[in-house]
């Protein structure tokens, strides 16, 4: 059994917990929290909730720590810290900062002889694989990634960090006309703003400066500054009634040629009822890979691009060759 620890018990932490239950070779050992452990009730009976102070000893009996913090401020600190003690995995999704995050985790993991898998989910993650596969098979072509319509956990979390914000749901909305141009084989040059819009539903503290909050959202680098963004201020009751779900999805399209006049379009699409539960399932598959790699003596930071597919499956190579190859 692969012993899993979960750090953080928000939407993603609960998604990882649900994924562990679906994998017979996985065992949830503990949930770690910065809150008072006594205040937290989890969905897995008999599994302890512990303080991060216990995790900080470096002696917890886990094979892989799944770190479920936010990309804005948590993961840049947490993942390198705990990669110096345990095999770790995160879903860091600030694309522009992935190289620096990789280097920080790589240094810590190599010094400790551990594996640190970063930026694991569906984008970055599964979508990243499809961009590489398509561009490798069709080197003369162009990839297009569209997200949504759906709730972005990372962007919602970034807005919730703004002073005066109590809650937020941020929806990423693809521009339909842009998708059609790609599917028609036009190979358009599309700006970030032409591919998606962003829509924020925000619950603010009473008396908060709404104009300041809206400006901070719309000008936030790496998250909203490059998009047409609409901000709606709503009540907590309206948030609960109309925005309690966490659906998402999207598609990677690649348009390429193999000879003059011979065109090909590759499409990989996801339609997700629950963004955190699907992301948690991807994290758990790659947690299996992290444990296996480390047992073979591998150490350092890895991404989904570095890990062979067979390491993800609970089945052995003979089964995969007979049934899935």
Protein backbone atom coordinates (compact mmCIF):
# COMPACT_ATOMS: atom_id res chain seq x y z
CA UNK A 1 0.00 0.00 0.00
CA UNK A 2 1.19 3.50 -0.86
CA UNK A 3 0.79 5.67 2.23
CA UNK A 4 -0.62 9.11 1.37
CA UNK A 5 -0.62 12.28 3.45
CA UNK A 6 -2.73 15.28 2.49
CA UNK A 7 -1.60 18.79 3.44
CA UNK A 8 -4.57 21.16 3.37
CA UNK A 9 -8.23 20.21 3.46
CA UNK A 10 -10.03 22.61 1.18
CA UNK A 11 -11.75 21.67 -2.07
CA UNK A 12 -8.62 20.09 -3.54
CA UNK A 13 -7.73 18.23 -0.34
CA UNK A 14 -11.19 16.67 -0.28
CA UNK A 15 -10.81 15.80 -3.97
CA UNK A 16 -7.56 13.97 -3.24
CA UNK A 17 -9.22 12.18 -0.34
CA UNK A 18 -12.00 10.97 -2.66
CA UNK A 19 -9.40 9.76 -5.18
CA UNK A 20 -7.51 7.74 -2.57
CA UNK A 21 -10.72 5.83 -1.81
CA UNK A 22 -10.96 4.79 -5.48
CA UNK A 23 -7.46 3.30 -5.62
CA UNK A 24 -7.00 -0.08 -3.94
CA UNK A 25 -3.22 0.32 -3.62
CA UNK A 26 -3.53 3.62 -1.73
CA UNK A 27 -4.02 4.32 1.97
CA UNK A 28 -4.72 7.73 3.50
CA UNK A 29 -2.50 7.96 6.60
CA UNK A 30 -3.25 11.50 7.79
CA UNK A 31 -4.55 14.93 6.88
CA UNK A 32 -2.32 17.81 7.98
CA UNK A 33 -3.66 21.28 8.63
CA UNK A 34 -2.54 24.73 9.73
CA UNK A 35 -5.86 25.04 11.56
CA UNK A 36 -6.68 23.52 14.95
CA UNK A 37 -6.87 19.79 14.11
CA UNK A 38 -9.75 19.36 16.56
CA UNK A 39 -11.83 21.78 14.50
CA UNK A 40 -11.60 19.66 11.33
CA UNK A 41 -13.82 16.69 10.49
CA UNK A 42 -12.80 14.74 7.38
CA UNK A 43 -14.70 12.26 5.22
CA UNK A 44 -12.54 9.21 6.00
CA UNK A 45 -13.38 7.62 9.37
CA UNK A 46 -10.43 6.56 11.49
CA UNK A 47 -7.84 8.73 9.74
CA UNK A 48 -6.20 11.26 12.08
CA UNK A 49 -6.08 14.99 11.48
CA UNK A 50 -2.72 16.37 12.55
CA UNK A 51 -1.03 19.72 12.89
CA UNK A 52 1.59 20.70 10.35
CA UNK A 53 3.99 20.88 13.31
CA UNK A 54 4.00 17.06 13.31
CA UNK A 55 4.70 17.05 9.58
CA UNK A 56 7.57 19.45 10.15
CA UNK A 57 9.49 16.79 12.08
CA UNK A 58 10.16 14.98 8.81
CA UNK A 59 9.29 11.68 10.52
CA UNK A 60 5.67 11.12 9.50
CA UNK A 61 5.02 7.57 8.09
CA UNK A 62 4.00 8.59 4.57
CA UNK A 63 5.25 7.62 1.13
CA UNK A 64 3.94 10.74 -0.65
CA UNK A 65 2.68 14.07 0.68
CA UNK A 66 0.03 15.66 -1.56
CA UNK A 67 0.27 19.41 -1.03
CA UNK A 68 -3.10 21.09 -1.58
CA UNK A 69 -2.28 24.76 -1.10
CA UNK A 70 -2.77 27.68 -3.43
CA UNK A 71 -0.31 28.58 -6.17
CA UNK A 72 -0.27 32.28 -5.33
CA UNK A 73 1.44 32.10 -1.93
CA UNK A 74 1.35 28.57 -0.46
CA UNK A 75 3.03 26.22 -2.93
CA UNK A 76 6.14 28.31 -3.69
CA UNK A 77 7.07 27.91 0.00
CA UNK A 78 5.45 24.60 0.97
CA UNK A 79 6.63 22.35 -1.83
CA UNK A 80 10.38 23.04 -1.53
CA UNK A 81 10.10 22.90 2.26
CA UNK A 82 8.49 19.48 2.36
CA UNK A 83 10.47 18.11 -0.60
CA UNK A 84 13.41 18.26 1.79
CA UNK A 85 11.63 15.68 3.99
CA UNK A 86 9.19 13.62 1.90
CA UNK A 87 8.24 12.65 -1.62
CA UNK A 88 5.80 15.41 -2.59
CA UNK A 89 3.39 16.40 -5.32
CA UNK A 90 1.58 19.66 -6.02
CA UNK A 91 -0.69 21.32 -8.58
CA UNK A 92 1.23 24.59 -8.99
CA UNK A 93 -0.50 26.32 -11.91
CA UNK A 94 1.08 29.76 -12.34
CA UNK A 95 2.52 28.90 -15.77
CA UNK A 96 4.95 31.82 -15.93
CA UNK A 97 6.60 30.79 -12.66
CA UNK A 98 6.88 27.03 -13.26
CA UNK A 99 10.61 27.08 -14.24
CA UNK A 100 11.62 28.86 -11.03
CA UNK A 101 9.36 26.63 -8.92
CA UNK A 102 10.85 23.54 -10.57
CA UNK A 103 14.39 24.67 -9.75
CA UNK A 104 13.55 25.34 -6.09
CA UNK A 105 11.88 21.95 -5.63
CA UNK A 106 14.60 20.16 -7.59
CA UNK A 107 17.33 21.48 -5.31
CA UNK A 108 15.50 20.50 -2.12
CA UNK A 109 14.43 17.06 -3.38
CA UNK A 110 17.86 16.11 -4.70
CA UNK A 111 19.54 17.05 -1.43
CA UNK A 112 17.03 14.86 0.44
CA UNK A 113 16.99 11.98 -2.05
CA UNK A 114 13.27 12.50 -2.63
CA UNK A 115 10.99 13.00 -5.65
CA UNK A 116 8.97 16.20 -6.06
CA UNK A 117 6.31 16.19 -8.80
CA UNK A 118 5.11 19.71 -9.56
CA UNK A 119 2.37 21.33 -11.63
CA UNK A 120 0.26 18.21 -11.78
CA UNK A 121 -3.43 18.33 -12.70
CA UNK A 122 -5.14 18.87 -15.99
CA UNK A 123 -3.57 22.19 -17.00
CA UNK A 124 -0.73 22.15 -16.32
CA UNK A 125 -0.78 18.36 -16.46
CA UNK A 126 -2.91 16.33 -18.86
CA UNK A 127 -3.20 19.24 -21.28
CA UNK A 128 0.58 19.68 -21.18
CA UNK A 129 1.06 16.08 -22.30
CA UNK A 130 -1.28 16.54 -25.22
CA UNK A 131 0.46 19.71 -26.36
CA UNK A 132 3.80 17.86 -26.39
CA UNK A 133 2.40 14.72 -28.05
CA UNK A 134 0.70 16.71 -30.81
CA UNK A 135 3.63 19.02 -31.53
CA UNK A 136 6.01 16.04 -31.63
CA UNK A 137 3.84 14.08 -34.06
CA UNK A 138 3.05 17.14 -36.21
CA UNK A 139 6.06 19.45 -35.94
CA UNK A 140 4.56 21.81 -38.53
CA UNK A 141 1.54 23.11 -36.71
CA UNK A 142 0.18 25.14 -33.83
CA UNK A 143 -1.51 24.32 -30.53
CA UNK A 144 -4.49 26.11 -29.02
CA UNK A 145 -5.67 25.65 -25.45
CA UNK A 146 -9.15 26.66 -24.34
CA UNK A 147 -10.38 26.46 -20.74
CA UNK A 148 -13.95 26.40 -19.52
CA UNK A 149 -16.54 27.38 -19.11
CA UNK A 150 -15.76 26.56 -15.52
CA UNK A 151 -14.51 27.57 -12.11
CA UNK A 152 -10.76 28.06 -11.80
CA UNK A 153 -9.68 27.09 -8.28
CA UNK A 154 -6.34 28.88 -8.54
CA UNK A 155 -7.82 32.13 -9.82
CA UNK A 156 -10.64 32.02 -7.27
CA UNK A 157 -8.08 31.51 -4.51
CA UNK A 158 -5.99 34.42 -5.77
CA UNK A 159 -9.01 36.74 -5.56
CA UNK A 160 -9.86 35.50 -2.06
CA UNK A 161 -6.40 36.65 -0.94
CA UNK A 162 -7.32 40.28 -1.73
CA UNK A 163 -8.07 42.38 1.34
CA UNK A 164 -11.82 42.77 1.82
CA UNK A 165 -12.82 39.64 -0.13
CA UNK A 166 -14.72 36.95 1.75
CA UNK A 167 -15.36 34.55 -1.14
CA UNK A 168 -15.00 34.30 -4.90
CA UNK A 169 -15.86 32.07 -7.83
CA UNK A 170 -13.95 32.86 -11.01
CA UNK A 171 -15.28 31.45 -14.28
CA UNK A 172 -13.04 31.09 -17.32
CA UNK A 173 -15.07 31.36 -20.52
CA UNK A 174 -13.69 30.37 -23.96
CA UNK A 175 -14.53 32.59 -26.90
CA UNK A 176 -16.63 30.38 -29.21
CA UNK A 177 -15.66 32.22 -32.39
CA UNK A 178 -11.97 31.55 -31.71
CA UNK A 179 -12.58 27.80 -31.29
CA UNK A 180 -14.45 27.63 -34.58
CA UNK A 181 -11.60 29.35 -36.42
CA UNK A 182 -9.18 26.69 -35.17
CA UNK A 183 -11.50 23.80 -36.05
CA UNK A 184 -11.93 25.26 -39.53
CA UNK A 185 -8.17 24.97 -40.08
CA UNK A 186 -7.53 28.71 -40.26
CA UNK A 187 -4.52 28.49 -37.89
CA UNK A 188 -5.29 31.97 -36.50
CA UNK A 189 -2.87 34.02 -34.44
CA UNK A 190 -4.92 34.59 -31.29
CA UNK A 191 -4.00 36.84 -28.39
CA UNK A 192 -4.71 35.78 -24.82
CA UNK A 193 -7.57 38.27 -24.75
CA UNK A 194 -9.09 36.85 -27.96
CA UNK A 195 -9.25 33.27 -26.61
CA UNK A 196 -10.90 33.69 -23.20
CA UNK A 197 -12.80 36.04 -20.95
CA UNK A 198 -12.91 35.87 -17.16
CA UNK A 199 -15.93 36.46 -14.93
CA UNK A 200 -15.66 36.90 -11.15
CA UNK A 201 -18.46 36.63 -8.60
CA UNK A 202 -17.22 38.20 -5.36
CA UNK A 203 -18.58 38.37 -1.82
CA UNK A 204 -16.98 41.36 -0.14
CA UNK A 205 -16.76 42.38 3.49
CA UNK A 206 -19.32 44.95 4.60
CA UNK A 207 -17.94 48.40 3.97
CA UNK A 208 -15.09 47.20 1.76
CA UNK A 209 -13.82 49.43 -1.03
CA UNK A 210 -15.41 47.69 -4.02
CA UNK A 211 -13.67 49.88 -6.59
CA UNK A 212 -10.27 49.00 -5.12
CA UNK A 213 -11.07 45.28 -5.08
CA UNK A 214 -12.26 45.35 -8.69
CA UNK A 215 -9.12 47.20 -9.78
CA UNK A 216 -6.85 44.77 -7.93
CA UNK A 217 -8.57 41.85 -9.65
CA UNK A 218 -8.44 43.30 -13.16
CA UNK A 219 -4.77 44.34 -12.89
CA UNK A 220 -3.45 41.17 -11.18
CA UNK A 221 -0.46 39.92 -13.22
CA UNK A 222 -0.44 36.28 -14.40
CA UNK A 223 -4.12 35.95 -13.52
CA UNK A 224 -6.36 38.71 -14.93
CA UNK A 225 -4.31 41.53 -16.44
CA UNK A 226 -4.25 39.99 -19.93
CA UNK A 227 -7.99 39.20 -20.10
CA UNK A 228 -11.27 41.04 -20.43
CA UNK A 229 -12.57 40.52 -16.90
CA UNK A 230 -16.01 41.23 -15.48
CA UNK A 231 -16.50 41.50 -11.71
CA UNK A 232 -19.87 41.01 -10.03
CA UNK A 233 -20.35 41.72 -6.32
CA UNK A 234 -22.98 39.44 -4.83
CA UNK A 235 -24.28 38.31 -1.42
CA UNK A 236 -23.14 35.20 0.41
CA UNK A 237 -26.64 33.80 -0.03
CA UNK A 238 -26.47 34.23 -3.81
CA UNK A 239 -23.03 32.61 -3.87
CA UNK A 240 -24.35 29.57 -2.02
CA UNK A 241 -27.46 29.29 -4.16
CA UNK A 242 -25.94 29.82 -7.62
CA UNK A 243 -22.19 29.13 -7.42
CA UNK A 244 -21.66 26.24 -5.00
CA UNK A 245 -20.52 23.77 -7.67
CA UNK A 246 -17.01 23.53 -9.12
CA UNK A 247 -17.43 22.41 -12.76
CA UNK A 248 -14.71 22.96 -15.35
CA UNK A 249 -13.23 21.58 -18.51
CA UNK A 250 -11.68 22.64 -21.77
CA UNK A 251 -9.82 21.44 -24.79
CA UNK A 252 -6.40 21.30 -26.41
CA UNK A 253 -6.59 21.60 -30.17
CA UNK A 254 -3.63 21.19 -32.49
CA UNK A 255 -3.74 22.00 -36.18
CA UNK A 256 -0.84 20.76 -38.30
CA UNK A 257 0.22 19.57 -41.73
CA UNK A 258 2.19 16.57 -43.00
CA UNK A 259 2.49 17.77 -46.61
CA UNK A 260 1.19 20.64 -48.72
CA UNK A 261 -2.60 20.66 -48.50
CA UNK A 262 -2.78 17.75 -46.04
CA UNK A 263 -4.15 19.09 -42.77
CA UNK A 264 -4.86 17.39 -39.44
CA UNK A 265 -6.63 18.57 -36.28
CA UNK A 266 -6.01 16.79 -32.96
CA UNK A 267 -8.44 17.47 -30.12
CA UNK A 268 -8.34 16.45 -26.45
CA UNK A 269 -11.35 17.56 -24.40
CA UNK A 270 -12.41 17.37 -20.77
CA UNK A 271 -15.88 17.96 -19.33
CA UNK A 272 -15.68 17.88 -15.55
CA UNK A 273 -18.47 17.87 -12.99
CA UNK A 274 -15.92 18.60 -10.27
CA UNK A 275 -12.65 20.34 -10.97
CA UNK A 276 -11.10 19.48 -7.56
CA UNK A 277 -12.12 15.82 -7.67
CA UNK A 278 -10.66 15.34 -11.15
CA UNK A 279 -7.50 17.26 -10.24
CA UNK A 280 -7.22 15.13 -7.10
CA UNK A 281 -7.47 11.98 -9.22
CA UNK A 282 -4.61 13.15 -11.45
CA UNK A 283 -2.51 13.98 -8.38
CA UNK A 284 -3.06 10.51 -6.94
CA UNK A 285 -2.02 8.78 -10.19
CA UNK A 286 1.19 10.79 -10.20
CA UNK A 287 1.68 10.21 -6.47
CA UNK A 288 1.86 6.50 -7.35
CA UNK A 289 4.52 7.37 -9.91
CA UNK A 290 6.48 9.43 -7.37
CA UNK A 291 6.54 6.55 -4.90
CA UNK A 292 7.63 4.08 -7.57
CA UNK A 293 10.34 6.32 -8.95
CA UNK A 294 11.79 7.02 -5.53
CA UNK A 295 11.82 3.29 -4.73
CA UNK A 296 14.02 2.90 -7.82
CA UNK A 297 16.46 5.49 -6.49
CA UNK A 298 15.24 8.43 -8.55
CA UNK A 299 15.27 11.87 -6.91
CA UNK A 300 14.71 15.51 -7.82
CA UNK A 301 11.82 17.47 -9.32
CA UNK A 302 9.67 15.99 -12.07
CA UNK A 303 6.74 17.13 -14.18
CA UNK A 304 4.17 15.11 -16.10
CA UNK A 305 6.45 15.47 -19.13
CA UNK A 306 9.22 13.52 -17.40
CA UNK A 307 7.20 10.50 -16.20
CA UNK A 308 6.35 7.53 -18.41
CA UNK A 309 2.64 6.55 -18.51
CA UNK A 310 3.21 3.05 -17.11
CA UNK A 311 4.26 4.56 -13.77
CA UNK A 312 0.75 6.01 -13.33
CA UNK A 313 -1.20 2.78 -13.55
CA UNK A 314 -1.95 0.38 -10.72
CA UNK A 315 -1.63 -2.41 -13.31
CA UNK A 316 1.68 -4.00 -14.20
CA UNK A 317 3.39 -3.84 -17.57
CA UNK A 318 2.10 -7.22 -18.74
CA UNK A 319 -1.50 -6.16 -18.15
CA UNK A 320 -1.00 -2.80 -19.89
CA UNK A 321 0.58 -4.46 -22.94
CA UNK A 322 -2.20 -7.06 -23.17
CA UNK A 323 -5.18 -4.78 -22.63
CA UNK A 324 -4.36 -1.11 -23.26
CA UNK A 325 -1.52 -1.01 -25.76
